[in-house]
Each structure stands twice: as structure tokens, then as C-alpha cells.
Amino acid sequence: MMKETEILKNYTVESLLMELEKIKKIDLENGEAIFTELTKKQKDIMEKLNLCA
């Protein structure tokens, strides 16, 4: 998937994973889940990999 989107030109696998691991999920008492705001780099990665952003 990473080769198809050519994202490896901008990121190594390690740097990509390190950037994405910073995203935090917060579970609220009412069962709702929210995520911390994404940085520009994280949004770029998510869009290129066609993941929900």
C-alpha cells in the first residue's frame, strides 16, 4: 500500500509509524470515542494511505 501511494518517497516506515503513534484515542464515559487533533503530517499520511481522517 505504501509503495502504491509512493509515500515512501517522503517517509521511512519507521518515521511514518512514529508519527501515527502520536494519535490518541479518548474513550468517554458515555461510550463515545474521540481522537486528538491530527497534525499536518498525520493528515497527509492518512490521506495518502486513504484512511479515515
PDB file of N, CA and C in Angstrom:
ATOM      1  N   MET A   1       0.833  -1.199   0.000  1.00  0.00           N
ATOM      2  CA  MET A   1       0.000   0.000   0.000  1.00  0.00           C
ATOM      3  C   MET A   1       0.878   1.264   0.000  1.00  0.00           C
ATOM      4  N   MET A   2       1.954   1.198   0.765  1.00  0.00           N
ATOM      5  CA  MET A   2       2.834   2.358   0.844  1.00  0.00           C
ATOM      6  C   MET A   2       3.576   2.568  -0.469  1.00  0.00           C
ATOM      7  N   LYS A   3       3.943   1.490  -1.138  1.00  0.00           N
ATOM      8  CA  LYS A   3       4.623   1.602  -2.423  1.00  0.00           C
ATOM      9  C   LYS A   3       3.679   2.160  -3.484  1.00  0.00           C
ATOM     10  N   GLU A   4       2.422   1.725  -3.464  1.00  0.00           N
ATOM     11  CA  GLU A   4       1.438   2.180  -4.445  1.00  0.00           C
ATOM     12  C   GLU A   4       1.189   3.678  -4.352  1.00  0.00           C
ATOM     13  N   THR A   5       1.174   4.209  -3.148  1.00  0.00           N
ATOM     14  CA  THR A   5       0.897   5.632  -2.957  1.00  0.00           C
ATOM     15  C   THR A   5       2.164   6.480  -3.012  1.00  0.00           C
ATOM     16  N   GLU A   6       3.305   5.827  -3.140  1.00  0.00           N
ATOM     17  CA  GLU A   6       4.608   6.497  -3.197  1.00  0.00           C
ATOM     18  C   GLU A   6       4.908   7.341  -1.960  1.00  0.00           C
ATOM     19  N   ILE A   7       4.329   6.961  -0.847  1.00  0.00           N
ATOM     20  CA  ILE A   7       4.552   7.702   0.398  1.00  0.00           C
ATOM     21  C   ILE A   7       5.970   7.470   0.931  1.00  0.00           C
ATOM     22  N   LEU A   8       6.613   6.392   0.479  1.00  0.00           N
ATOM     23  CA  LEU A   8       7.976   6.102   0.925  1.00  0.00           C
ATOM     24  C   LEU A   8       8.988   7.109   0.411  1.00  0.00           C
ATOM     25  N   LYS A   9       8.593   7.934  -0.552  1.00  0.00           N
ATOM     26  CA  LYS A   9       9.483   8.993  -1.021  1.00  0.00           C
ATOM     27  C   LYS A   9       9.656  10.072   0.046  1.00  0.00           C
ATOM     28  N   ASN A  10       8.637  10.240   0.879  1.00  0.00           N
ATOM     29  CA  ASN A  10       8.653  11.294   1.896  1.00  0.00           C
ATOM     30  C   ASN A  10       8.920  10.777   3.309  1.00  0.00           C
ATOM     31  N   TYR A  11       8.619   9.504   3.557  1.00  0.00           N
ATOM     32  CA  TYR A  11       8.724   8.947   4.910  1.00  0.00           C
ATOM     33  C   TYR A  11       9.374   7.574   4.862  1.00  0.00           C
ATOM     34  N   THR A  12      10.128   7.254   5.907  1.00  0.00           N
ATOM     35  CA  THR A  12      10.556   5.873   6.090  1.00  0.00           C
ATOM     36  C   THR A  12       9.431   5.166   6.832  1.00  0.00           C
ATOM     37  N   VAL A  13       9.453   3.862   6.839  1.00  0.00           N
ATOM     38  CA  VAL A  13       8.415   3.123   7.559  1.00  0.00           C
ATOM     39  C   VAL A  13       8.455   3.500   9.039  1.00  0.00           C
ATOM     40  N   GLU A  14       9.650   3.592   9.584  1.00  0.00           N
ATOM     41  CA  GLU A  14       9.800   3.939  10.997  1.00  0.00           C
ATOM     42  C   GLU A  14       9.263   5.334  11.302  1.00  0.00           C
ATOM     43  N   SER A  15       9.593   6.323  10.484  1.00  0.00           N
ATOM     44  CA  SER A  15       9.122   7.687  10.740  1.00  0.00           C
ATOM     45  C   SER A  15       7.616   7.789  10.574  1.00  0.00           C
ATOM     46  N   LEU A  16       7.060   7.040   9.632  1.00  0.00           N
ATOM     47  CA  LEU A  16       5.617   7.040   9.427  1.00  0.00           C
ATOM     48  C   LEU A  16       4.910   6.478  10.659  1.00  0.00           C
ATOM     49  N   LEU A  17       5.391   5.345  11.159  1.00  0.00           N
ATOM     50  CA  LEU A  17       4.781   4.747  12.346  1.00  0.00           C
ATOM     51  C   LEU A  17       4.954   5.619  13.583  1.00  0.00           C
ATOM     52  N   MET A  18       6.105   6.247  13.707  1.00  0.00           N
ATOM     53  CA  MET A  18       6.326   7.136  14.852  1.00  0.00           C
ATOM     54  C   MET A  18       5.380   8.327  14.820  1.00  0.00           C
ATOM     55  N   GLU A  19       5.108   8.834  13.638  1.00  0.00           N
ATOM     56  CA  GLU A  19       4.200   9.973  13.501  1.00  0.00           C
ATOM     57  C   GLU A  19       2.763   9.555  13.830  1.00  0.00           C
ATOM     58  N   LEU A  20       2.356   8.394  13.355  1.00  0.00           N
ATOM     59  CA  LEU A  20       0.983   7.951  13.581  1.00  0.00           C
ATOM     60  C   LEU A  20       0.727   7.469  15.011  1.00  0.00           C
ATOM     61  N   GLU A  21       1.769   7.019  15.708  1.00  0.00           N
ATOM     62  CA  GLU A  21       1.555   6.546  17.069  1.00  0.00           C
ATOM     63  C   GLU A  21       1.253   7.690  18.043  1.00  0.00           C
ATOM     64  N   LYS A  22       1.446   8.921  17.600  1.00  0.00           N
ATOM     65  CA  LYS A  22       1.155  10.091  18.437  1.00  0.00           C
ATOM     66  C   LYS A  22      -0.345  10.372  18.531  1.00  0.00           C
ATOM     67  N   ILE A  23      -1.133   9.763  17.654  1.00  0.00           N
ATOM     68  CA  ILE A  23      -2.587   9.973  17.674  1.00  0.00           C
ATOM     69  C   ILE A  23      -3.156   9.254  18.889  1.00  0.00           C
ATOM     70  N   LYS A  24      -3.941   9.950  19.667  1.00  0.00           N
ATOM     71  CA  LYS A  24      -4.513   9.387  20.888  1.00  0.00           C
ATOM     72  C   LYS A  24      -6.029   9.261  20.764  1.00  0.00           C
ATOM     73  N   LYS A  25      -6.555   8.162  21.298  1.00  0.00           N
ATOM     74  CA  LYS A  25      -7.996   7.920  21.341  1.00  0.00           C
ATOM     75  C   LYS A  25      -8.447   8.095  22.775  1.00  0.00           C
ATOM     76  N   ILE A  26      -9.519   8.854  22.970  1.00  0.00           N
ATOM     77  CA  ILE A  26     -10.052   9.097  24.307  1.00  0.00           C
ATOM     78  C   ILE A  26     -11.454   8.512  24.349  1.00  0.00           C
ATOM     79  N   ASP A  27     -11.680   7.556  25.275  1.00  0.00           N
ATOM     80  CA  ASP A  27     -12.994   6.957  25.447  1.00  0.00           C
ATOM     81  C   ASP A  27     -13.720   7.698  26.563  1.00  0.00           C
ATOM     82  N   LEU A  28     -14.885   8.234  26.237  1.00  0.00           N
ATOM     83  CA  LEU A  28     -15.684   8.954  27.216  1.00  0.00           C
ATOM     84  C   LEU A  28     -16.587   7.984  27.970  1.00  0.00           C
ATOM     85  N   GLU A  29     -17.082   8.405  29.121  1.00  0.00           N
ATOM     86  CA  GLU A  29     -17.927   7.547  29.943  1.00  0.00           C
ATOM     87  C   GLU A  29     -19.218   7.140  29.244  1.00  0.00           C
ATOM     88  N   ASN A  30     -19.710   7.995  28.351  1.00  0.00           N
ATOM     89  CA  ASN A  30     -20.955   7.683  27.660  1.00  0.00           C
ATOM     90  C   ASN A  30     -20.748   6.728  26.485  1.00  0.00           C
ATOM     91  N   GLY A  31     -19.538   6.196  26.323  1.00  0.00           N
ATOM     92  CA  GLY A  31     -19.250   5.246  25.263  1.00  0.00           C
ATOM     93  C   GLY A  31     -18.738   5.876  23.986  1.00  0.00           C
ATOM     94  N   GLU A  32     -18.766   7.188  23.918  1.00  0.00           N
ATOM     95  CA  GLU A  32     -18.283   7.892  22.729  1.00  0.00           C
ATOM     96  C   GLU A  32     -16.760   7.923  22.734  1.00  0.00           C
ATOM     97  N   ALA A  33     -16.173   7.834  21.547  1.00  0.00           N
ATOM     98  CA  ALA A  33     -14.720   7.891  21.424  1.00  0.00           C
ATOM     99  C   ALA A  33     -14.351   9.106  20.585  1.00  0.00           C
ATOM    100  N   ILE A  34     -13.324   9.822  21.023  1.00  0.00           N
ATOM    101  CA  ILE A  34     -12.825  10.955  20.260  1.00  0.00           C
ATOM    102  C   ILE A  34     -11.312  10.796  20.106  1.00  0.00           C
ATOM    103  N   PHE A  35     -10.760  11.399  19.069  1.00  0.00           N
ATOM    104  CA  PHE A  35      -9.336  11.332  18.802  1.00  0.00           C
ATOM    105  C   PHE A  35      -8.748  12.728  18.912  1.00  0.00           C
ATOM    106  N   THR A  36      -7.473  12.793  19.295  1.00  0.00           N
ATOM    107  CA  THR A  36      -6.801  14.083  19.362  1.00  0.00           C
ATOM    108  C   THR A  36      -6.707  14.658  17.952  1.00  0.00           C
ATOM    109  N   GLU A  37      -6.551  15.952  17.866  1.00  0.00           N
ATOM    110  CA  GLU A  37      -6.468  16.613  16.564  1.00  0.00           C
ATOM    111  C   GLU A  37      -5.220  16.155  15.826  1.00  0.00           C
ATOM    112  N   LEU A  38      -5.361  15.952  14.522  1.00  0.00           N
ATOM    113  CA  LEU A  38      -4.249  15.476  13.703  1.00  0.00           C
ATOM    114  C   LEU A  38      -3.360  16.640  13.270  1.00  0.00           C
ATOM    115  N   THR A  39      -2.065  16.371  13.224  1.00  0.00           N
ATOM    116  CA  THR A  39      -1.120  17.355  12.706  1.00  0.00           C
ATOM    117  C   THR A  39      -1.175  17.334  11.186  1.00  0.00           C
ATOM    118  N   LYS A  40      -0.507  18.288  10.567  1.00  0.00           N
ATOM    119  CA  LYS A  40      -0.470  18.351   9.105  1.00  0.00           C
ATOM    120  C   LYS A  40       0.168  17.081   8.535  1.00  0.00           C
ATOM    121  N   LYS A  41       1.252  16.618   9.140  1.00  0.00           N
ATOM    122  CA  LYS A  41       1.924  15.399   8.677  1.00  0.00           C
ATOM    123  C   LYS A  41       0.997  14.193   8.797  1.00  0.00           C
ATOM    124  N   GLN A  42       0.297  14.091   9.922  1.00  0.00           N
ATOM    125  CA  GLN A  42      -0.605  12.961  10.132  1.00  0.00           C
ATOM    126  C   GLN A  42      -1.745  12.974   9.116  1.00  0.00           C
ATOM    127  N   LYS A  43      -2.291  14.154   8.849  1.00  0.00           N
ATOM    128  CA  LYS A  43      -3.360  14.267   7.853  1.00  0.00           C
ATOM    129  C   LYS A  43      -2.852  13.857   6.477  1.00  0.00           C
ATOM    130  N   ASP A  44      -1.635  14.280   6.154  1.00  0.00           N
ATOM    131  CA  ASP A  44      -1.033  13.945   4.858  1.00  0.00           C
ATOM    132  C   ASP A  44      -0.891  12.420   4.713  1.00  0.00           C
ATOM    133  N   ILE A  45      -0.382  11.780   5.748  1.00  0.00           N
ATOM    134  CA  ILE A  45      -0.204  10.318   5.735  1.00  0.00           C
ATOM    135  C   ILE A  45      -1.555   9.623   5.577  1.00  0.00           C
ATOM    136  N   MET A  46      -2.517  10.044   6.383  1.00  0.00           N
ATOM    137  CA  MET A  46      -3.848   9.411   6.351  1.00  0.00           C
ATOM    138  C   MET A  46      -4.496   9.570   4.971  1.00  0.00           C
ATOM    139  N   GLU A  47      -4.368  10.733   4.383  1.00  0.00           N
ATOM    140  CA  GLU A  47      -4.960  10.963   3.061  1.00  0.00           C
ATOM    141  C   GLU A  47      -4.277  10.124   1.993  1.00  0.00           C
ATOM    142  N   LYS A  48      -2.948  10.074   2.025  1.00  0.00           N
ATOM    143  CA  LYS A  48      -2.213   9.309   1.030  1.00  0.00           C
ATOM    144  C   LYS A  48      -2.479   7.810   1.119  1.00  0.00           C
ATOM    145  N   LEU A  49      -2.700   7.322   2.332  1.00  0.00           N
ATOM    146  CA  LEU A  49      -2.995   5.903   2.521  1.00  0.00           C
ATOM    147  C   LEU A  49      -4.492   5.612   2.433  1.00  0.00           C
ATOM    148  N   ASN A  50      -5.274   6.638   2.166  1.00  0.00           N
ATOM    149  CA  ASN A  50      -6.725   6.510   2.006  1.00  0.00           C
ATOM    150  C   ASN A  50      -7.370   5.929   3.271  1.00  0.00           C
ATOM    151  N   LEU A  51      -6.951   6.450   4.431  1.00  0.00           N
ATOM    152  CA  LEU A  51      -7.528   6.067   5.706  1.00  0.00           C
ATOM    153  C   LEU A  51      -8.448   7.178   6.166  1.00  0.00           C
ATOM    154  N   CYS A  52      -9.331   6.887   7.075  1.00  0.00           N
ATOM    155  CA  CYS A  52     -10.241   7.908   7.601  1.00  0.00           C
ATOM    156  C   CYS A  52      -9.431   8.991   8.287  1.00  0.00           C
ATOM    157  N   ALA A  53      -9.726  10.224   7.971  1.00  0.00           N
ATOM    158  CA  ALA A  53      -9.008  11.336   8.610  1.00  0.00           C
ATOM    159  C   ALA A  53      -9.979  12.382   9.109  1.00  0.00           C
TER     160      ALA A  53
END
